[in-house]
Amino acid sequence: MADQILNIALGRIAELYNRVDLNDPTNAVLTIVVVDSTTADATIKDLDTLALILAEALTAEVTNTNYARIELVDTDL
């Protein structure tokens, strides 16, 4: 299992975390999603949105039993 930081987010992780922590914009969340993919890592890193990642032919969100996306709000951080 590997983690990915998309190119669009490089250098912005702290900023995105702080925006959720400060609730800016209102109701901002960090969403954790697990995907199953055989698409090359380099290809996935160049995609800008979760919708584009899930639209890749060889990529899908997992469907394991009891799996659910995790959404972290300001009170969770």
PDB file of N, CA and C in Angstrom:
ATOM      1  N   MET A   1       0.849  -1.165   0.000  1.00  0.00           N
ATOM      2  CA  MET A   1       0.000   0.000   0.000  1.00  0.00           C
ATOM      3  C   MET A   1       0.898   1.233   0.000  1.00  0.00           C
ATOM      4  N   ALA A   2       0.607   2.153  -0.886  1.00  0.00           N
ATOM      5  CA  ALA A   2       1.392   3.379  -0.983  1.00  0.00           C
ATOM      6  C   ALA A   2       0.469   4.580  -0.880  1.00  0.00           C
ATOM      7  N   ASP A   3       1.035   5.667  -0.423  1.00  0.00           N
ATOM      8  CA  ASP A   3       0.253   6.898  -0.401  1.00  0.00           C
ATOM      9  C   ASP A   3       0.712   7.785  -1.552  1.00  0.00           C
ATOM     10  N   GLN A   4      -0.148   8.647  -1.980  1.00  0.00           N
ATOM     11  CA  GLN A   4       0.145   9.539  -3.095  1.00  0.00           C
ATOM     12  C   GLN A   4      -0.156  10.972  -2.695  1.00  0.00           C
ATOM     13  N   ILE A   5       0.695  11.870  -3.106  1.00  0.00           N
ATOM     14  CA  ILE A   5       0.396  13.296  -3.024  1.00  0.00           C
ATOM     15  C   ILE A   5       0.350  13.783  -4.458  1.00  0.00           C
ATOM     16  N   LEU A   6      -0.803  14.259  -4.871  1.00  0.00           N
ATOM     17  CA  LEU A   6      -0.963  14.716  -6.245  1.00  0.00           C
ATOM     18  C   LEU A   6      -0.110  15.957  -6.488  1.00  0.00           C
ATOM     19  N   ASN A   7       0.377  16.097  -7.711  1.00  0.00           N
ATOM     20  CA  ASN A   7       1.235  17.240  -8.042  1.00  0.00           C
ATOM     21  C   ASN A   7       0.586  18.570  -7.687  1.00  0.00           C
ATOM     22  N   ILE A   8      -0.729  18.676  -7.858  1.00  0.00           N
ATOM     23  CA  ILE A   8      -1.425  19.933  -7.560  1.00  0.00           C
ATOM     24  C   ILE A   8      -1.359  20.277  -6.068  1.00  0.00           C
ATOM     25  N   ALA A   9      -1.127  19.276  -5.214  1.00  0.00           N
ATOM     26  CA  ALA A   9      -1.097  19.501  -3.766  1.00  0.00           C
ATOM     27  C   ALA A   9       0.318  19.612  -3.200  1.00  0.00           C
ATOM     28  N   LEU A  10       1.334  19.348  -4.010  1.00  0.00           N
ATOM     29  CA  LEU A  10       2.708  19.419  -3.503  1.00  0.00           C
ATOM     30  C   LEU A  10       2.990  20.809  -2.943  1.00  0.00           C
ATOM     31  N   GLY A  11       3.513  20.849  -1.735  1.00  0.00           N
ATOM     32  CA  GLY A  11       3.821  22.118  -1.098  1.00  0.00           C
ATOM     33  C   GLY A  11       2.617  22.817  -0.499  1.00  0.00           C
ATOM     34  N   ARG A  12       1.438  22.218  -0.605  1.00  0.00           N
ATOM     35  CA  ARG A  12       0.221  22.873  -0.112  1.00  0.00           C
ATOM     36  C   ARG A  12      -0.464  22.079   1.000  1.00  0.00           C
ATOM     37  N   ILE A  13       0.114  20.974   1.426  1.00  0.00           N
ATOM     38  CA  ILE A  13      -0.536  20.118   2.421  1.00  0.00           C
ATOM     39  C   ILE A  13      -0.842  20.905   3.692  1.00  0.00           C
ATOM     40  N   ALA A  14       0.130  21.651   4.208  1.00  0.00           N
ATOM     41  CA  ALA A  14      -0.105  22.432   5.434  1.00  0.00           C
ATOM     42  C   ALA A  14      -1.188  23.480   5.211  1.00  0.00           C
ATOM     43  N   GLU A  15      -1.170  24.119   4.047  1.00  0.00           N
ATOM     44  CA  GLU A  15      -2.193  25.130   3.737  1.00  0.00           C
ATOM     45  C   GLU A  15      -3.586  24.507   3.721  1.00  0.00           C
ATOM     46  N   LEU A  16      -3.724  23.359   3.059  1.00  0.00           N
ATOM     47  CA  LEU A  16      -5.034  22.708   2.975  1.00  0.00           C
ATOM     48  C   LEU A  16      -5.503  22.249   4.353  1.00  0.00           C
ATOM     49  N   TYR A  17      -4.587  21.711   5.155  1.00  0.00           N
ATOM     50  CA  TYR A  17      -4.898  21.310   6.530  1.00  0.00           C
ATOM     51  C   TYR A  17      -5.378  22.526   7.328  1.00  0.00           C
ATOM     52  N   ASN A  18      -4.628  23.620   7.250  1.00  0.00           N
ATOM     53  CA  ASN A  18      -4.983  24.827   8.009  1.00  0.00           C
ATOM     54  C   ASN A  18      -6.317  25.409   7.571  1.00  0.00           C
ATOM     55  N   ARG A  19      -6.622  25.331   6.297  1.00  0.00           N
ATOM     56  CA  ARG A  19      -7.912  25.866   5.829  1.00  0.00           C
ATOM     57  C   ARG A  19      -9.069  25.080   6.435  1.00  0.00           C
ATOM     58  N   VAL A  20      -8.916  23.770   6.539  1.00  0.00           N
ATOM     59  CA  VAL A  20      -9.968  22.968   7.181  1.00  0.00           C
ATOM     60  C   VAL A  20     -10.000  23.285   8.672  1.00  0.00           C
ATOM     61  N   ASP A  21      -8.825  23.349   9.293  1.00  0.00           N
ATOM     62  CA  ASP A  21      -8.742  23.626  10.724  1.00  0.00           C
ATOM     63  C   ASP A  21      -9.376  24.974  11.076  1.00  0.00           C
ATOM     64  N   LEU A  22      -9.231  25.959  10.192  1.00  0.00           N
ATOM     65  CA  LEU A  22      -9.794  27.297  10.426  1.00  0.00           C
ATOM     66  C   LEU A  22     -11.201  27.448   9.866  1.00  0.00           C
ATOM     67  N   ASN A  23     -11.729  26.347   9.299  1.00  0.00           N
ATOM     68  CA  ASN A  23     -13.080  26.340   8.728  1.00  0.00           C
ATOM     69  C   ASN A  23     -13.223  27.401   7.632  1.00  0.00           C
ATOM     70  N   ASP A  24     -12.204  27.460   6.751  1.00  0.00           N
ATOM     71  CA  ASP A  24     -12.180  28.441   5.661  1.00  0.00           C
ATOM     72  C   ASP A  24     -11.953  27.723   4.337  1.00  0.00           C
ATOM     73  N   PRO A  25     -12.946  27.567   3.514  1.00  0.00           N
ATOM     74  CA  PRO A  25     -14.299  28.088   3.602  1.00  0.00           C
ATOM     75  C   PRO A  25     -15.147  27.287   4.587  1.00  0.00           C
ATOM     76  N   THR A  26     -16.285  27.812   4.923  1.00  0.00           N
ATOM     77  CA  THR A  26     -17.192  27.159   5.857  1.00  0.00           C
ATOM     78  C   THR A  26     -17.462  25.731   5.410  1.00  0.00           C
ATOM     79  N   ASN A  27     -17.449  24.814   6.367  1.00  0.00           N
ATOM     80  CA  ASN A  27     -17.717  23.390   6.137  1.00  0.00           C
ATOM     81  C   ASN A  27     -16.659  22.699   5.286  1.00  0.00           C
ATOM     82  N   ALA A  28     -15.424  23.203   5.272  1.00  0.00           N
ATOM     83  CA  ALA A  28     -14.329  22.557   4.553  1.00  0.00           C
ATOM     84  C   ALA A  28     -14.000  21.222   5.224  1.00  0.00           C
ATOM     85  N   VAL A  29     -13.617  20.223   4.437  1.00  0.00           N
ATOM     86  CA  VAL A  29     -13.262  18.905   4.963  1.00  0.00           C
ATOM     87  C   VAL A  29     -12.031  18.368   4.242  1.00  0.00           C
ATOM     88  N   LEU A  30     -11.286  17.513   4.932  1.00  0.00           N
ATOM     89  CA  LEU A  30     -10.266  16.688   4.300  1.00  0.00           C
ATOM     90  C   LEU A  30     -10.902  15.320   4.129  1.00  0.00           C
ATOM     91  N   THR A  31     -10.863  14.784   2.923  1.00  0.00           N
ATOM     92  CA  THR A  31     -11.490  13.497   2.650  1.00  0.00           C
ATOM     93  C   THR A  31     -10.417  12.464   2.351  1.00  0.00           C
ATOM     94  N   ILE A  32     -10.475  11.331   3.052  1.00  0.00           N
ATOM     95  CA  ILE A  32      -9.541  10.231   2.831  1.00  0.00           C
ATOM     96  C   ILE A  32     -10.274   9.153   2.051  1.00  0.00           C
ATOM     97  N   VAL A  33      -9.706   8.797   0.894  1.00  0.00           N
ATOM     98  CA  VAL A  33     -10.323   7.825  -0.004  1.00  0.00           C
ATOM     99  C   VAL A  33      -9.289   6.758  -0.341  1.00  0.00           C
ATOM    100  N   VAL A  34      -9.693   5.501  -0.313  1.00  0.00           N
ATOM    101  CA  VAL A  34      -8.814   4.401  -0.700  1.00  0.00           C
ATOM    102  C   VAL A  34      -9.199   3.964  -2.102  1.00  0.00           C
ATOM    103  N   VAL A  35      -8.204   3.909  -2.991  1.00  0.00           N
ATOM    104  CA  VAL A  35      -8.474   3.477  -4.362  1.00  0.00           C
ATOM    105  C   VAL A  35      -7.643   2.252  -4.694  1.00  0.00           C
ATOM    106  N   ASP A  36      -8.177   1.449  -5.595  1.00  0.00           N
ATOM    107  CA  ASP A  36      -7.490   0.273  -6.123  1.00  0.00           C
ATOM    108  C   ASP A  36      -7.166   0.595  -7.571  1.00  0.00           C
ATOM    109  N   SER A  37      -5.888   0.555  -7.916  1.00  0.00           N
ATOM    110  CA  SER A  37      -5.516   0.983  -9.257  1.00  0.00           C
ATOM    111  C   SER A  37      -4.313   0.221  -9.778  1.00  0.00           C
ATOM    112  N   THR A  38      -4.324  -0.021 -11.076  1.00  0.00           N
ATOM    113  CA  THR A  38      -3.138  -0.534 -11.753  1.00  0.00           C
ATOM    114  C   THR A  38      -2.592   0.525 -12.710  1.00  0.00           C
ATOM    115  N   THR A  39      -3.152   1.720 -12.645  1.00  0.00           N
ATOM    116  CA  THR A  39      -2.651   2.846 -13.432  1.00  0.00           C
ATOM    117  C   THR A  39      -1.311   3.286 -12.847  1.00  0.00           C
ATOM    118  N   ALA A  40      -0.402   3.702 -13.697  1.00  0.00           N
ATOM    119  CA  ALA A  40       0.925   4.137 -13.250  1.00  0.00           C
ATOM    120  C   ALA A  40       0.822   5.307 -12.276  1.00  0.00           C
ATOM    121  N   ASP A  41       1.655   5.275 -11.241  1.00  0.00           N
ATOM    122  CA  ASP A  41       1.664   6.348 -10.245  1.00  0.00           C
ATOM    123  C   ASP A  41       1.875   7.714 -10.890  1.00  0.00           C
ATOM    124  N   ALA A  42       2.769   7.784 -11.868  1.00  0.00           N
ATOM    125  CA  ALA A  42       3.059   9.065 -12.529  1.00  0.00           C
ATOM    126  C   ALA A  42       1.815   9.634 -13.202  1.00  0.00           C
ATOM    127  N   THR A  43       0.970   8.771 -13.727  1.00  0.00           N
ATOM    128  CA  THR A  43      -0.268   9.225 -14.370  1.00  0.00           C
ATOM    129  C   THR A  43      -1.230   9.778 -13.332  1.00  0.00           C
ATOM    130  N   ILE A  44      -1.399   9.061 -12.237  1.00  0.00           N
ATOM    131  CA  ILE A  44      -2.332   9.482 -11.189  1.00  0.00           C
ATOM    132  C   ILE A  44      -1.888  10.800 -10.559  1.00  0.00           C
ATOM    133  N   LYS A  45      -0.578  10.969 -10.341  1.00  0.00           N
ATOM    134  CA  LYS A  45      -0.077  12.191  -9.705  1.00  0.00           C
ATOM    135  C   LYS A  45      -0.387  13.443 -10.514  1.00  0.00           C
ATOM    136  N   ASP A  46      -0.571  13.297 -11.828  1.00  0.00           N
ATOM    137  CA  ASP A  46      -0.845  14.458 -12.680  1.00  0.00           C
ATOM    138  C   ASP A  46      -2.322  14.821 -12.746  1.00  0.00           C
ATOM    139  N   LEU A  47      -3.186  14.010 -12.166  1.00  0.00           N
ATOM    140  CA  LEU A  47      -4.621  14.307 -12.179  1.00  0.00           C
ATOM    141  C   LEU A  47      -4.936  15.294 -11.055  1.00  0.00           C
ATOM    142  N   ASP A  48      -5.880  16.188 -11.300  1.00  0.00           N
ATOM    143  CA  ASP A  48      -6.123  17.294 -10.370  1.00  0.00           C
ATOM    144  C   ASP A  48      -7.288  17.104  -9.410  1.00  0.00           C
ATOM    145  N   THR A  49      -8.184  16.171  -9.678  1.00  0.00           N
ATOM    146  CA  THR A  49      -9.351  16.002  -8.810  1.00  0.00           C
ATOM    147  C   THR A  49      -9.612  14.525  -8.559  1.00  0.00           C
ATOM    148  N   LEU A  50     -10.352  14.249  -7.502  1.00  0.00           N
ATOM    149  CA  LEU A  50     -10.744  12.875  -7.210  1.00  0.00           C
ATOM    150  C   LEU A  50     -11.604  12.319  -8.336  1.00  0.00           C
ATOM    151  N   ALA A  51     -12.454  13.146  -8.909  1.00  0.00           N
ATOM    152  CA  ALA A  51     -13.305  12.700 -10.020  1.00  0.00           C
ATOM    153  C   ALA A  51     -12.462  12.219 -11.197  1.00  0.00           C
ATOM    154  N   LEU A  52     -11.385  12.925 -11.506  1.00  0.00           N
ATOM    155  CA  LEU A  52     -10.506  12.502 -12.601  1.00  0.00           C
ATOM    156  C   LEU A  52      -9.789  11.197 -12.269  1.00  0.00           C
ATOM    157  N   ILE A  53      -9.383  11.038 -11.016  1.00  0.00           N
ATOM    158  CA  ILE A  53      -8.720   9.790 -10.612  1.00  0.00           C
ATOM    159  C   ILE A  53      -9.678   8.617 -10.768  1.00  0.00           C
ATOM    160  N   LEU A  54     -10.897   8.776 -10.275  1.00  0.00           N
ATOM    161  CA  LEU A  54     -11.869   7.683 -10.347  1.00  0.00           C
ATOM    162  C   LEU A  54     -12.354   7.438 -11.767  1.00  0.00           C
ATOM    163  N   ALA A  55     -12.175   8.401 -12.668  1.00  0.00           N
ATOM    164  CA  ALA A  55     -12.568   8.223 -14.066  1.00  0.00           C
ATOM    165  C   ALA A  55     -11.533   7.422 -14.858  1.00  0.00           C
ATOM    166  N   GLU A  56     -10.333   7.259 -14.312  1.00  0.00           N
ATOM    167  CA  GLU A  56      -9.311   6.453 -14.985  1.00  0.00           C
ATOM    168  C   GLU A  56      -9.834   5.031 -15.168  1.00  0.00           C
ATOM    169  N   ALA A  57      -9.563   4.440 -16.310  1.00  0.00           N
ATOM    170  CA  ALA A  57     -10.106   3.121 -16.658  1.00  0.00           C
ATOM    171  C   ALA A  57      -9.698   2.030 -15.674  1.00  0.00           C
ATOM    172  N   LEU A  58      -8.490   2.077 -15.154  1.00  0.00           N
ATOM    173  CA  LEU A  58      -7.994   1.009 -14.286  1.00  0.00           C
ATOM    174  C   LEU A  58      -7.968   1.415 -12.814  1.00  0.00           C
ATOM    175  N   THR A  59      -8.788   2.378 -12.450  1.00  0.00           N
ATOM    176  CA  THR A  59      -8.813   2.889 -11.083  1.00  0.00           C
ATOM    177  C   THR A  59     -10.249   2.942 -10.576  1.00  0.00           C
ATOM    178  N   ALA A  60     -10.447   2.497  -9.323  1.00  0.00           N
ATOM    179  CA  ALA A  60     -11.781   2.554  -8.716  1.00  0.00           C
ATOM    180  C   ALA A  60     -11.634   2.674  -7.204  1.00  0.00           C
ATOM    181  N   GLU A  61     -12.626   3.277  -6.587  1.00  0.00           N
ATOM    182  CA  GLU A  61     -12.659   3.320  -5.128  1.00  0.00           C
ATOM    183  C   GLU A  61     -12.940   1.907  -4.632  1.00  0.00           C
ATOM    184  N   VAL A  62     -12.267   1.504  -3.562  1.00  0.00           N
ATOM    185  CA  VAL A  62     -12.453   0.144  -3.060  1.00  0.00           C
ATOM    186  C   VAL A  62     -13.880  -0.058  -2.566  1.00  0.00           C
ATOM    187  N   THR A  63     -14.299  -1.317  -2.527  1.00  0.00           N
ATOM    188  CA  THR A  63     -15.657  -1.651  -2.080  1.00  0.00           C
ATOM    189  C   THR A  63     -15.623  -2.708  -0.981  1.00  0.00           C
ATOM    190  N   ASN A  64     -14.546  -2.733  -0.211  1.00  0.00           N
ATOM    191  CA  ASN A  64     -14.405  -3.727   0.849  1.00  0.00           C
ATOM    192  C   ASN A  64     -15.509  -3.587   1.892  1.00  0.00           C
ATOM    193  N   THR A  65     -15.799  -4.670   2.575  1.00  0.00           N
ATOM    194  CA  THR A  65     -16.784  -4.653   3.644  1.00  0.00           C
ATOM    195  C   THR A  65     -16.373  -3.637   4.703  1.00  0.00           C
ATOM    196  N   ASN A  66     -17.318  -2.854   5.158  1.00  0.00           N
ATOM    197  CA  ASN A  66     -17.134  -1.835   6.197  1.00  0.00           C
ATOM    198  C   ASN A  66     -16.260  -0.657   5.772  1.00  0.00           C
ATOM    199  N   TYR A  67     -15.904  -0.562   4.484  1.00  0.00           N
ATOM    200  CA  TYR A  67     -15.132   0.593   4.017  1.00  0.00           C
ATOM    201  C   TYR A  67     -16.049   1.799   3.881  1.00  0.00           C
ATOM    202  N   ALA A  68     -15.544   2.930   4.276  1.00  0.00           N
ATOM    203  CA  ALA A  68     -16.250   4.198   4.062  1.00  0.00           C
ATOM    204  C   ALA A  68     -15.205   5.300   3.962  1.00  0.00           C
ATOM    205  N   ARG A  69     -15.496   6.301   3.163  1.00  0.00           N
ATOM    206  CA  ARG A  69     -14.615   7.466   3.102  1.00  0.00           C
ATOM    207  C   ARG A  69     -14.569   8.107   4.483  1.00  0.00           C
ATOM    208  N   ILE A  70     -13.440   8.692   4.801  1.00  0.00           N
ATOM    209  CA  ILE A  70     -13.301   9.411   6.065  1.00  0.00           C
ATOM    210  C   ILE A  70     -13.259  10.894   5.747  1.00  0.00           C
ATOM    211  N   GLU A  71     -14.138  11.644   6.363  1.00  0.00           N
ATOM    212  CA  GLU A  71     -14.149  13.096   6.193  1.00  0.00           C
ATOM    213  C   GLU A  71     -13.783  13.741   7.520  1.00  0.00           C
ATOM    214  N   LEU A  72     -12.684  14.472   7.517  1.00  0.00           N
ATOM    215  CA  LEU A  72     -12.210  15.149   8.714  1.00  0.00           C
ATOM    216  C   LEU A  72     -12.608  16.619   8.653  1.00  0.00           C
ATOM    217  N   VAL A  73     -13.289  17.075   9.689  1.00  0.00           N
ATOM    218  CA  VAL A  73     -13.692  18.483   9.782  1.00  0.00           C
ATOM    219  C   VAL A  73     -12.795  19.187  10.801  1.00  0.00           C
ATOM    220  N   ASP A  74     -12.997  20.470  10.990  1.00  0.00           N
ATOM    221  CA  ASP A  74     -12.127  21.245  11.873  1.00  0.00           C
ATOM    222  C   ASP A  74     -12.051  20.683  13.288  1.00  0.00           C
ATOM    223  N   THR A  75     -13.128  20.151  13.816  1.00  0.00           N
ATOM    224  CA  THR A  75     -13.106  19.612  15.182  1.00  0.00           C
ATOM    225  C   THR A  75     -12.356  18.288  15.275  1.00  0.00           C
ATOM    226  N   ASP A  76     -12.105  17.623  14.133  1.00  0.00           N
ATOM    227  CA  ASP A  76     -11.359  16.367  14.124  1.00  0.00           C
ATOM    228  C   ASP A  76      -9.849  16.593  14.102  1.00  0.00           C
ATOM    229  N   LEU A  77      -9.425  17.797  13.762  1.00  0.00           N
ATOM    230  CA  LEU A  77      -7.992  18.064  13.582  1.00  0.00           C
ATOM    231  C   LEU A  77      -7.345  18.584  14.837  1.00  0.00           C
TER     232      LEU A  77
END
